[in-house]
Amino acid sequence: MMPVSPEERLAHLGFVLVPPTPALRPFIASYWGMRRAPALEVAPEFMHPGGGFGLGFDFGGGLALDSQPITDPVFLDGTNTISRRMSFTGAVDVLGIRFHPGAAYPFLGIPLVELANSTELMGAVGQRPLLLLHEQMAEAPTLTAKIARLEAWLLARLQPTASPYVLHSLYQIKQHAGQLDMKRIADDLYISQRQLERLYQIHVGMTPKHFARLQRVEAARLALKQANGVSLAHISAEFAYYDQAHFTHEFKAVVGLTPRDYLRTHP
């Protein structure tokens, strides 16, 4: 089964992906936009955690996360540790940033663990600069112009605070779909496991073990979507879970559904 792209899956919401300028590519995976005229409420979209971090700029209203309305014009798609549901009513006009894992801290300067699983950013960064940025972006006539104003703001805030220990270990964990021993990673970097955990709390918003767990569940989720008749036992073994029960428990803890229920509701 060929995977469906976000643009195809969210076409009814006018979804588009836009790459960042070269200077910001080490930090930002993409910008995304959704724009739709007022219409009837559509089914919620699941936002699955991958250890990344994001910001959203709402110009239309009608957004809710896990059935709770988002009222701030600038909101946080925090370092989620569980899948969340975003729903849409009325007009939709929103622009978002998706940072690479570990790459939001140089812009925000706040330990990301303080913002985990939250949508509130105004108090942490300050209402005045965010409201001014939102106003400037709202006045821009096109999505491209909005992104240009956003990128100018990001480049002005960028601080050289990225941790090479975090960046190297993030790459290793992602390359191995979360199937790495955390002590071995710390030993390879010649730092203690506790020191690596503290760096992850600041730069990623969770421990290395938790990040690895999300990577493994996400890889298994994508394998489930693409598999055709492959058993859950096979998926469990492929991603080195102890057994099918262990896989089911870990999957449900992150996604909120068992693998079978997920396949039933996300064909």
Foldseek 3Di string as FASTA:
>chain_A
DDDDDPCRVCVQQVKDWADDDPVCVVWFVTKMKGWDAADAKDFWDKDFAQLWWKKKAWPDFFKDKQNHGDDDRIWIPANELAIITIIGGHTGTMMMIITDALRCCQQQVFQRLVCYPTTDDCVSRHVVVVVVLSVCLSPDPDPVRSVVSVVVSRVVRGDPPGDPLVVVVVVVLLVLLLPDDQQVSCVVVVHGQVVQQVSCSRRRNGGSNSSSLSSNLVVLLVCLVPDDPDDLQVSCVVSVHPGSVRNQVSNCVHHVHGSVVCVVVPD
